[in-house]
Amino acid sequence: MNLTEPADIRAASLISEIVSRFGLVVSDKVPAGALPILGAVGGATVNIVFMDHFQQVAHAHFTLRRLERIYRSSRIRERYAELLPARSNAVS
């Protein structure tokens, strides 16, 4: 796991690892009737992670929209461009 990734990506990766490892153990020890419940729990967890991510994206989007109304869209785009690292055209 890379600690430079955003927190929601790390969380999703961790959840994926736990579910995959837990699934192997569960399949040996739990009756087949209980497996759909565990799948539902895993699905709900993934839904929560994605919901949190998209809520954060929406919050950032509407914050930028508010700033664009106050300071003009072109000025906000200029400031945003200053924050981006210089892009290289070199193929790596």
PDB file of N, CA and C in Angstrom:
ATOM      1  N   MET A   1       0.855  -1.182   0.000  1.00  0.00           N
ATOM      2  CA  MET A   1       0.000   0.000   0.000  1.00  0.00           C
ATOM      3  C   MET A   1       0.894   1.237   0.000  1.00  0.00           C
ATOM      4  N   ASN A   2       0.577   2.180  -0.868  1.00  0.00           N
ATOM      5  CA  ASN A   2       1.367   3.395  -1.039  1.00  0.00           C
ATOM      6  C   ASN A   2       0.755   4.509  -0.189  1.00  0.00           C
ATOM      7  N   LEU A   3       1.532   5.075   0.718  1.00  0.00           N
ATOM      8  CA  LEU A   3       1.005   6.095   1.622  1.00  0.00           C
ATOM      9  C   LEU A   3       0.843   7.461   0.967  1.00  0.00           C
ATOM     10  N   THR A   4       1.310   7.614  -0.283  1.00  0.00           N
ATOM     11  CA  THR A   4       1.130   8.888  -0.975  1.00  0.00           C
ATOM     12  C   THR A   4      -0.204   8.942  -1.709  1.00  0.00           C
ATOM     13  N   GLU A   5      -0.950   7.836  -1.761  1.00  0.00           N
ATOM     14  CA  GLU A   5      -2.257   7.816  -2.405  1.00  0.00           C
ATOM     15  C   GLU A   5      -3.271   8.532  -1.510  1.00  0.00           C
ATOM     16  N   PRO A   6      -4.358   9.046  -2.104  1.00  0.00           N
ATOM     17  CA  PRO A   6      -5.411   9.639  -1.283  1.00  0.00           C
ATOM     18  C   PRO A   6      -5.975   8.621  -0.295  1.00  0.00           C
ATOM     19  N   ALA A   7      -6.489   9.119   0.815  1.00  0.00           N
ATOM     20  CA  ALA A   7      -6.962   8.246   1.898  1.00  0.00           C
ATOM     21  C   ALA A   7      -8.067   7.312   1.449  1.00  0.00           C
ATOM     22  N   ASP A   8      -8.990   7.783   0.587  1.00  0.00           N
ATOM     23  CA  ASP A   8     -10.088   6.909   0.192  1.00  0.00           C
ATOM     24  C   ASP A   8      -9.614   5.760  -0.681  1.00  0.00           C
ATOM     25  N   ILE A   9      -8.558   5.983  -1.473  1.00  0.00           N
ATOM     26  CA  ILE A   9      -8.001   4.898  -2.281  1.00  0.00           C
ATOM     27  C   ILE A   9      -7.303   3.893  -1.368  1.00  0.00           C
ATOM     28  N   ARG A  10      -6.574   4.385  -0.372  1.00  0.00           N
ATOM     29  CA  ARG A  10      -5.927   3.468   0.580  1.00  0.00           C
ATOM     30  C   ARG A  10      -6.966   2.671   1.338  1.00  0.00           C
ATOM     31  N   ALA A  11      -8.059   3.327   1.752  1.00  0.00           N
ATOM     32  CA  ALA A  11      -9.118   2.639   2.496  1.00  0.00           C
ATOM     33  C   ALA A  11      -9.765   1.565   1.634  1.00  0.00           C
ATOM     34  N   ALA A  12     -10.056   1.888   0.380  1.00  0.00           N
ATOM     35  CA  ALA A  12     -10.663   0.904  -0.518  1.00  0.00           C
ATOM     36  C   ALA A  12      -9.726  -0.272  -0.735  1.00  0.00           C
ATOM     37  N   SER A  13      -8.432   0.009  -0.875  1.00  0.00           N
ATOM     38  CA  SER A  13      -7.447  -1.056  -1.050  1.00  0.00           C
ATOM     39  C   SER A  13      -7.381  -1.946   0.182  1.00  0.00           C
ATOM     40  N   LEU A  14      -7.381  -1.333   1.357  1.00  0.00           N
ATOM     41  CA  LEU A  14      -7.338  -2.092   2.604  1.00  0.00           C
ATOM     42  C   LEU A  14      -8.588  -2.957   2.754  1.00  0.00           C
ATOM     43  N   ILE A  15      -9.745  -2.377   2.473  1.00  0.00           N
ATOM     44  CA  ILE A  15     -10.997  -3.128   2.563  1.00  0.00           C
ATOM     45  C   ILE A  15     -10.983  -4.294   1.589  1.00  0.00           C
ATOM     46  N   SER A  16     -10.491  -4.042   0.376  1.00  0.00           N
ATOM     47  CA  SER A  16     -10.421  -5.104  -0.623  1.00  0.00           C
ATOM     48  C   SER A  16      -9.532  -6.252  -0.148  1.00  0.00           C
ATOM     49  N   GLU A  17      -8.386  -5.909   0.444  1.00  0.00           N
ATOM     50  CA  GLU A  17      -7.488  -6.948   0.963  1.00  0.00           C
ATOM     51  C   GLU A  17      -8.153  -7.737   2.079  1.00  0.00           C
ATOM     52  N   ILE A  18      -8.792  -7.043   2.991  1.00  0.00           N
ATOM     53  CA  ILE A  18      -9.443  -7.713   4.126  1.00  0.00           C
ATOM     54  C   ILE A  18     -10.555  -8.634   3.632  1.00  0.00           C
ATOM     55  N   VAL A  19     -11.396  -8.127   2.724  1.00  0.00           N
ATOM     56  CA  VAL A  19     -12.517  -8.921   2.226  1.00  0.00           C
ATOM     57  C   VAL A  19     -12.004 -10.150   1.488  1.00  0.00           C
ATOM     58  N   SER A  20     -10.964  -9.975   0.659  1.00  0.00           N
ATOM     59  CA  SER A  20     -10.460 -11.128  -0.091  1.00  0.00           C
ATOM     60  C   SER A  20      -9.853 -12.174   0.836  1.00  0.00           C
ATOM     61  N   ARG A  21      -9.100 -11.760   1.831  1.00  0.00           N
ATOM     62  CA  ARG A  21      -8.503 -12.724   2.765  1.00  0.00           C
ATOM     63  C   ARG A  21      -9.566 -13.342   3.663  1.00  0.00           C
ATOM     64  N   PHE A  22     -10.486 -12.524   4.144  1.00  0.00           N
ATOM     65  CA  PHE A  22     -11.547 -13.005   5.012  1.00  0.00           C
ATOM     66  C   PHE A  22     -12.454 -13.965   4.252  1.00  0.00           C
ATOM     67  N   GLY A  23     -12.680 -13.675   2.972  1.00  0.00           N
ATOM     68  CA  GLY A  23     -13.536 -14.529   2.155  1.00  0.00           C
ATOM     69  C   GLY A  23     -13.006 -15.939   2.047  1.00  0.00           C
ATOM     70  N   LEU A  24     -11.681 -16.082   1.933  1.00  0.00           N
ATOM     71  CA  LEU A  24     -11.096 -17.417   1.851  1.00  0.00           C
ATOM     72  C   LEU A  24     -11.316 -18.188   3.150  1.00  0.00           C
ATOM     73  N   VAL A  25     -11.128 -17.526   4.284  1.00  0.00           N
ATOM     74  CA  VAL A  25     -11.314 -18.168   5.573  1.00  0.00           C
ATOM     75  C   VAL A  25     -12.780 -18.499   5.786  1.00  0.00           C
ATOM     76  N   VAL A  26     -13.652 -17.570   5.456  1.00  0.00           N
ATOM     77  CA  VAL A  26     -15.081 -17.758   5.665  1.00  0.00           C
ATOM     78  C   VAL A  26     -15.606 -18.911   4.821  1.00  0.00           C
ATOM     79  N   SER A  27     -15.131 -19.030   3.584  1.00  0.00           N
ATOM     80  CA  SER A  27     -15.652 -20.070   2.705  1.00  0.00           C
ATOM     81  C   SER A  27     -15.394 -21.460   3.263  1.00  0.00           C
ATOM     82  N   ASP A  28     -14.365 -21.633   4.080  1.00  0.00           N
ATOM     83  CA  ASP A  28     -14.067 -22.923   4.671  1.00  0.00           C
ATOM     84  C   ASP A  28     -14.860 -23.187   5.939  1.00  0.00           C
ATOM     85  N   LYS A  29     -15.265 -22.148   6.670  1.00  0.00           N
ATOM     86  CA  LYS A  29     -15.820 -22.328   7.996  1.00  0.00           C
ATOM     87  C   LYS A  29     -17.290 -21.961   8.147  1.00  0.00           C
ATOM     88  N   VAL A  30     -17.866 -21.291   7.169  1.00  0.00           N
ATOM     89  CA  VAL A  30     -19.240 -20.810   7.285  1.00  0.00           C
ATOM     90  C   VAL A  30     -20.118 -21.569   6.308  1.00  0.00           C
ATOM     91  N   PRO A  31     -21.312 -21.933   6.705  1.00  0.00           N
ATOM     92  CA  PRO A  31     -22.230 -22.602   5.772  1.00  0.00           C
ATOM     93  C   PRO A  31     -22.518 -21.721   4.566  1.00  0.00           C
ATOM     94  N   ALA A  32     -22.814 -22.324   3.451  1.00  0.00           N
ATOM     95  CA  ALA A  32     -23.007 -21.594   2.198  1.00  0.00           C
ATOM     96  C   ALA A  32     -24.124 -20.557   2.304  1.00  0.00           C
ATOM     97  N   GLY A  33     -25.113 -20.775   3.158  1.00  0.00           N
ATOM     98  CA  GLY A  33     -26.214 -19.830   3.300  1.00  0.00           C
ATOM     99  C   GLY A  33     -25.798 -18.490   3.864  1.00  0.00           C
ATOM    100  N   ALA A  34     -24.680 -18.439   4.583  1.00  0.00           N
ATOM    101  CA  ALA A  34     -24.228 -17.189   5.191  1.00  0.00           C
ATOM    102  C   ALA A  34     -23.386 -16.348   4.239  1.00  0.00           C
ATOM    103  N   LEU A  35     -22.906 -16.934   3.158  1.00  0.00           N
ATOM    104  CA  LEU A  35     -22.028 -16.203   2.243  1.00  0.00           C
ATOM    105  C   LEU A  35     -22.699 -14.998   1.593  1.00  0.00           C
ATOM    106  N   PRO A  36     -23.976 -15.070   1.183  1.00  0.00           N
ATOM    107  CA  PRO A  36     -24.593 -13.857   0.614  1.00  0.00           C
ATOM    108  C   PRO A  36     -24.623 -12.686   1.594  1.00  0.00           C
ATOM    109  N   ILE A  37     -24.770 -12.972   2.876  1.00  0.00           N
ATOM    110  CA  ILE A  37     -24.776 -11.904   3.880  1.00  0.00           C
ATOM    111  C   ILE A  37     -23.418 -11.227   3.922  1.00  0.00           C
ATOM    112  N   LEU A  38     -22.350 -12.044   3.882  1.00  0.00           N
ATOM    113  CA  LEU A  38     -21.005 -11.466   3.892  1.00  0.00           C
ATOM    114  C   LEU A  38     -20.746 -10.677   2.617  1.00  0.00           C
ATOM    115  N   GLY A  39     -21.282 -11.145   1.494  1.00  0.00           N
ATOM    116  CA  GLY A  39     -21.158 -10.393   0.243  1.00  0.00           C
ATOM    117  C   GLY A  39     -21.874  -9.063   0.336  1.00  0.00           C
ATOM    118  N   ALA A  40     -23.020  -9.049   0.997  1.00  0.00           N
ATOM    119  CA  ALA A  40     -23.777  -7.808   1.165  1.00  0.00           C
ATOM    120  C   ALA A  40     -23.010  -6.822   2.039  1.00  0.00           C
ATOM    121  N   VAL A  41     -22.367  -7.331   3.076  1.00  0.00           N
ATOM    122  CA  VAL A  41     -21.574  -6.465   3.956  1.00  0.00           C
ATOM    123  C   VAL A  41     -20.407  -5.862   3.174  1.00  0.00           C
ATOM    124  N   GLY A  42     -19.744  -6.690   2.373  1.00  0.00           N
ATOM    125  CA  GLY A  42     -18.641  -6.187   1.542  1.00  0.00           C
ATOM    126  C   GLY A  42     -19.132  -5.151   0.544  1.00  0.00           C
ATOM    127  N   GLY A  43     -20.291  -5.423  -0.080  1.00  0.00           N
ATOM    128  CA  GLY A  43     -20.859  -4.478  -1.030  1.00  0.00           C
ATOM    129  C   GLY A  43     -21.234  -3.162  -0.363  1.00  0.00           C
ATOM    130  N   ALA A  44     -21.802  -3.249   0.830  1.00  0.00           N
ATOM    131  CA  ALA A  44     -22.165  -2.038   1.569  1.00  0.00           C
ATOM    132  C   ALA A  44     -20.927  -1.225   1.925  1.00  0.00           C
ATOM    133  N   THR A  45     -19.860  -1.916   2.283  1.00  0.00           N
ATOM    134  CA  THR A  45     -18.611  -1.225   2.621  1.00  0.00           C
ATOM    135  C   THR A  45     -18.063  -0.480   1.414  1.00  0.00           C
ATOM    136  N   VAL A  46     -18.064  -1.136   0.268  1.00  0.00           N
ATOM    137  CA  VAL A  46     -17.588  -0.485  -0.955  1.00  0.00           C
ATOM    138  C   VAL A  46     -18.473   0.712  -1.285  1.00  0.00           C
ATOM    139  N   ASN A  47     -19.795   0.557  -1.129  1.00  0.00           N
ATOM    140  CA  ASN A  47     -20.710   1.676  -1.390  1.00  0.00           C
ATOM    141  C   ASN A  47     -20.407   2.865  -0.483  1.00  0.00           C
ATOM    142  N   ILE A  48     -20.117   2.599   0.781  1.00  0.00           N
ATOM    143  CA  ILE A  48     -19.807   3.675   1.722  1.00  0.00           C
ATOM    144  C   ILE A  48     -18.530   4.398   1.309  1.00  0.00           C
ATOM    145  N   VAL A  49     -17.513   3.636   0.894  1.00  0.00           N
ATOM    146  CA  VAL A  49     -16.241   4.244   0.474  1.00  0.00           C
ATOM    147  C   VAL A  49     -16.471   5.137  -0.740  1.00  0.00           C
ATOM    148  N   PHE A  50     -17.223   4.643  -1.736  1.00  0.00           N
ATOM    149  CA  PHE A  50     -17.482   5.442  -2.924  1.00  0.00           C
ATOM    150  C   PHE A  50     -18.349   6.654  -2.604  1.00  0.00           C
ATOM    151  N   MET A  51     -19.355   6.478  -1.748  1.00  0.00           N
ATOM    152  CA  MET A  51     -20.220   7.596  -1.376  1.00  0.00           C
ATOM    153  C   MET A  51     -19.405   8.698  -0.715  1.00  0.00           C
ATOM    154  N   ASP A  52     -18.510   8.329   0.188  1.00  0.00           N
ATOM    155  CA  ASP A  52     -17.658   9.312   0.853  1.00  0.00           C
ATOM    156  C   ASP A  52     -16.788  10.044  -0.163  1.00  0.00           C
ATOM    157  N   HIS A  53     -16.215   9.292  -1.098  1.00  0.00           N
ATOM    158  CA  HIS A  53     -15.358   9.902  -2.125  1.00  0.00           C
ATOM    159  C   HIS A  53     -16.144  10.936  -2.938  1.00  0.00           C
ATOM    160  N   PHE A  54     -17.320  10.545  -3.430  1.00  0.00           N
ATOM    161  CA  PHE A  54     -18.081  11.452  -4.282  1.00  0.00           C
ATOM    162  C   PHE A  54     -18.648  12.636  -3.511  1.00  0.00           C
ATOM    163  N   GLN A  55     -18.912  12.475  -2.217  1.00  0.00           N
ATOM    164  CA  GLN A  55     -19.328  13.617  -1.407  1.00  0.00           C
ATOM    165  C   GLN A  55     -18.181  14.614  -1.271  1.00  0.00           C
ATOM    166  N   GLN A  56     -16.958  14.118  -1.119  1.00  0.00           N
ATOM    167  CA  GLN A  56     -15.802  15.010  -1.040  1.00  0.00           C
ATOM    168  C   GLN A  56     -15.585  15.732  -2.365  1.00  0.00           C
ATOM    169  N   VAL A  57     -15.748  15.018  -3.486  1.00  0.00           N
ATOM    170  CA  VAL A  57     -15.603  15.630  -4.808  1.00  0.00           C
ATOM    171  C   VAL A  57     -16.664  16.716  -4.996  1.00  0.00           C
ATOM    172  N   ALA A  58     -17.902  16.421  -4.604  1.00  0.00           N
ATOM    173  CA  ALA A  58     -18.982  17.401  -4.734  1.00  0.00           C
ATOM    174  C   ALA A  58     -18.704  18.628  -3.872  1.00  0.00           C
ATOM    175  N   HIS A  59     -18.213  18.420  -2.663  1.00  0.00           N
ATOM    176  CA  HIS A  59     -17.891  19.542  -1.781  1.00  0.00           C
ATOM    177  C   HIS A  59     -16.835  20.442  -2.439  1.00  0.00           C
ATOM    178  N   ALA A  60     -15.783  19.833  -2.995  1.00  0.00           N
ATOM    179  CA  ALA A  60     -14.732  20.608  -3.668  1.00  0.00           C
ATOM    180  C   ALA A  60     -15.302  21.333  -4.886  1.00  0.00           C
ATOM    181  N   HIS A  61     -16.122  20.657  -5.666  1.00  0.00           N
ATOM    182  CA  HIS A  61     -16.706  21.245  -6.872  1.00  0.00           C
ATOM    183  C   HIS A  61     -17.528  22.493  -6.535  1.00  0.00           C
ATOM    184  N   PHE A  62     -18.418  22.360  -5.549  1.00  0.00           N
ATOM    185  CA  PHE A  62     -19.286  23.495  -5.238  1.00  0.00           C
ATOM    186  C   PHE A  62     -18.531  24.609  -4.517  1.00  0.00           C
ATOM    187  N   THR A  63     -17.450  24.281  -3.836  1.00  0.00           N
ATOM    188  CA  THR A  63     -16.596  25.319  -3.257  1.00  0.00           C
ATOM    189  C   THR A  63     -15.941  26.127  -4.375  1.00  0.00           C
ATOM    190  N   LEU A  64     -15.447  25.423  -5.400  1.00  0.00           N
ATOM    191  CA  LEU A  64     -14.850  26.122  -6.545  1.00  0.00           C
ATOM    192  C   LEU A  64     -15.892  26.971  -7.276  1.00  0.00           C
ATOM    193  N   ARG A  65     -17.102  26.454  -7.430  1.00  0.00           N
ATOM    194  CA  ARG A  65     -18.162  27.232  -8.084  1.00  0.00           C
ATOM    195  C   ARG A  65     -18.454  28.513  -7.318  1.00  0.00           C
ATOM    196  N   ARG A  66     -18.490  28.413  -5.997  1.00  0.00           N
ATOM    197  CA  ARG A  66     -18.740  29.606  -5.161  1.00  0.00           C
ATOM    198  C   ARG A  66     -17.608  30.615  -5.354  1.00  0.00           C
ATOM    199  N   LEU A  67     -16.357  30.131  -5.358  1.00  0.00           N
ATOM    200  CA  LEU A  67     -15.220  31.031  -5.562  1.00  0.00           C
ATOM    201  C   LEU A  67     -15.249  31.661  -6.950  1.00  0.00           C
ATOM    202  N   GLU A  68     -15.692  30.901  -7.966  1.00  0.00           N
ATOM    203  CA  GLU A  68     -15.800  31.454  -9.312  1.00  0.00           C
ATOM    204  C   GLU A  68     -16.835  32.578  -9.370  1.00  0.00           C
ATOM    205  N   ARG A  69     -17.921  32.443  -8.641  1.00  0.00           N
ATOM    206  CA  ARG A  69     -18.933  33.514  -8.619  1.00  0.00           C
ATOM    207  C   ARG A  69     -18.379  34.772  -7.950  1.00  0.00           C
ATOM    208  N   ILE A  70     -17.535  34.586  -6.948  1.00  0.00           N
ATOM    209  CA  ILE A  70     -16.998  35.733  -6.212  1.00  0.00           C
ATOM    210  C   ILE A  70     -15.845  36.390  -6.973  1.00  0.00           C
ATOM    211  N   TYR A  71     -14.901  35.579  -7.495  1.00  0.00           N
ATOM    212  CA  TYR A  71     -13.652  36.113  -8.050  1.00  0.00           C
ATOM    213  C   TYR A  71     -13.505  35.975  -9.563  1.00  0.00           C
ATOM    214  N   ARG A  72     -14.532  35.541 -10.274  1.00  0.00           N
ATOM    215  CA  ARG A  72     -14.495  35.287 -11.716  1.00  0.00           C
ATOM    216  C   ARG A  72     -13.836  33.936 -12.008  1.00  0.00           C
ATOM    217  N   SER A  73     -14.393  33.260 -12.960  1.00  0.00           N
ATOM    218  CA  SER A  73     -13.936  31.925 -13.330  1.00  0.00           C
ATOM    219  C   SER A  73     -12.495  31.938 -13.846  1.00  0.00           C
ATOM    220  N   SER A  74     -12.159  32.927 -14.668  1.00  0.00           N
ATOM    221  CA  SER A  74     -10.819  32.967 -15.258  1.00  0.00           C
ATOM    222  C   SER A  74      -9.746  33.123 -14.182  1.00  0.00           C
ATOM    223  N   ARG A  75     -10.020  33.918 -13.166  1.00  0.00           N
ATOM    224  CA  ARG A  75      -9.038  34.126 -12.095  1.00  0.00           C
ATOM    225  C   ARG A  75      -8.825  32.834 -11.290  1.00  0.00           C
ATOM    226  N   ILE A  76      -9.902  32.107 -11.011  1.00  0.00           N
ATOM    227  CA  ILE A  76      -9.786  30.847 -10.266  1.00  0.00           C
ATOM    228  C   ILE A  76      -9.014  29.826 -11.094  1.00  0.00           C
ATOM    229  N   ARG A  77      -9.277  29.770 -12.406  1.00  0.00           N
ATOM    230  CA  ARG A  77      -8.545  28.831 -13.272  1.00  0.00           C
ATOM    231  C   ARG A  77      -7.050  29.164 -13.309  1.00  0.00           C
ATOM    232  N   GLU A  78      -6.717  30.429 -13.340  1.00  0.00           N
ATOM    233  CA  GLU A  78      -5.307  30.841 -13.323  1.00  0.00           C
ATOM    234  C   GLU A  78      -4.631  30.396 -12.035  1.00  0.00           C
ATOM    235  N   ARG A  79      -5.298  30.631 -10.915  1.00  0.00           N
ATOM    236  CA  ARG A  79      -4.732  30.243  -9.611  1.00  0.00           C
ATOM    237  C   ARG A  79      -4.574  28.731  -9.515  1.00  0.00           C
ATOM    238  N   TYR A  80      -5.572  27.984 -10.038  1.00  0.00           N
ATOM    239  CA  TYR A  80      -5.510  26.528 -10.022  1.00  0.00           C
ATOM    240  C   TYR A  80      -4.335  26.041 -10.865  1.00  0.00           C
ATOM    241  N   ALA A  81      -4.137  26.665 -12.030  1.00  0.00           N
ATOM    242  CA  ALA A  81      -3.027  26.276 -12.915  1.00  0.00           C
ATOM    243  C   ALA A  81      -1.682  26.495 -12.228  1.00  0.00           C
ATOM    244  N   GLU A  82      -1.593  27.505 -11.385  1.00  0.00           N
ATOM    245  CA  GLU A  82      -0.351  27.763 -10.649  1.00  0.00           C
ATOM    246  C   GLU A  82      -0.051  26.642  -9.646  1.00  0.00           C
ATOM    247  N   LEU A  83      -1.094  25.990  -9.158  1.00  0.00           N
ATOM    248  CA  LEU A  83      -0.911  24.917  -8.170  1.00  0.00           C
ATOM    249  C   LEU A  83      -0.486  23.591  -8.803  1.00  0.00           C
ATOM    250  N   LEU A  84      -0.788  23.407 -10.088  1.00  0.00           N
ATOM    251  CA  LEU A  84      -0.460  22.152 -10.757  1.00  0.00           C
ATOM    252  C   LEU A  84       1.044  22.075 -11.006  1.00  0.00           C
ATOM    253  N   PRO A  85       1.638  20.878 -10.861  1.00  0.00           N
ATOM    254  CA  PRO A  85       3.048  20.743 -11.185  1.00  0.00           C
ATOM    255  C   PRO A  85       3.239  20.902 -12.695  1.00  0.00           C
ATOM    256  N   ALA A  86       4.428  21.329 -13.081  1.00  0.00           N
ATOM    257  CA  ALA A  86       4.723  21.495 -14.497  1.00  0.00           C
ATOM    258  C   ALA A  86       4.608  20.148 -15.198  1.00  0.00           C
ATOM    259  N   ARG A  87       3.909  20.139 -16.322  1.00  0.00           N
ATOM    260  CA  ARG A  87       3.733  18.884 -17.068  1.00  0.00           C
ATOM    261  C   ARG A  87       4.865  18.722 -18.063  1.00  0.00           C
ATOM    262  N   SER A  88       5.345  17.512 -18.147  1.00  0.00           N
ATOM    263  CA  SER A  88       6.425  17.204 -19.067  1.00  0.00           C
ATOM    264  C   SER A  88       5.842  16.472 -20.268  1.00  0.00           C
ATOM    265  N   ASN A  89       6.342  16.795 -21.461  1.00  0.00           N
ATOM    266  CA  ASN A  89       5.892  16.108 -22.675  1.00  0.00           C
ATOM    267  C   ASN A  89       6.715  14.848 -22.940  1.00  0.00           C
ATOM    268  N   ALA A  90       7.693  14.589 -22.093  1.00  0.00           N
ATOM    269  CA  ALA A  90       8.548  13.424 -22.286  1.00  0.00           C
ATOM    270  C   ALA A  90       7.772  12.145 -22.000  1.00  0.00           C
ATOM    271  N   VAL A  91       8.045  11.141 -22.799  1.00  0.00           N
ATOM    272  CA  VAL A  91       7.412   9.834 -22.591  1.00  0.00           C
ATOM    273  C   VAL A  91       8.253   9.064 -21.613  1.00  0.00           C
ATOM    274  N   SER A  92       7.624   8.545 -20.565  1.00  0.00           N
ATOM    275  CA  SER A  92       8.402   7.804 -19.570  1.00  0.00           C
ATOM    276  C   SER A  92       8.196   6.329 -19.706  1.00  0.00           C
TER     277      SER A  92
END
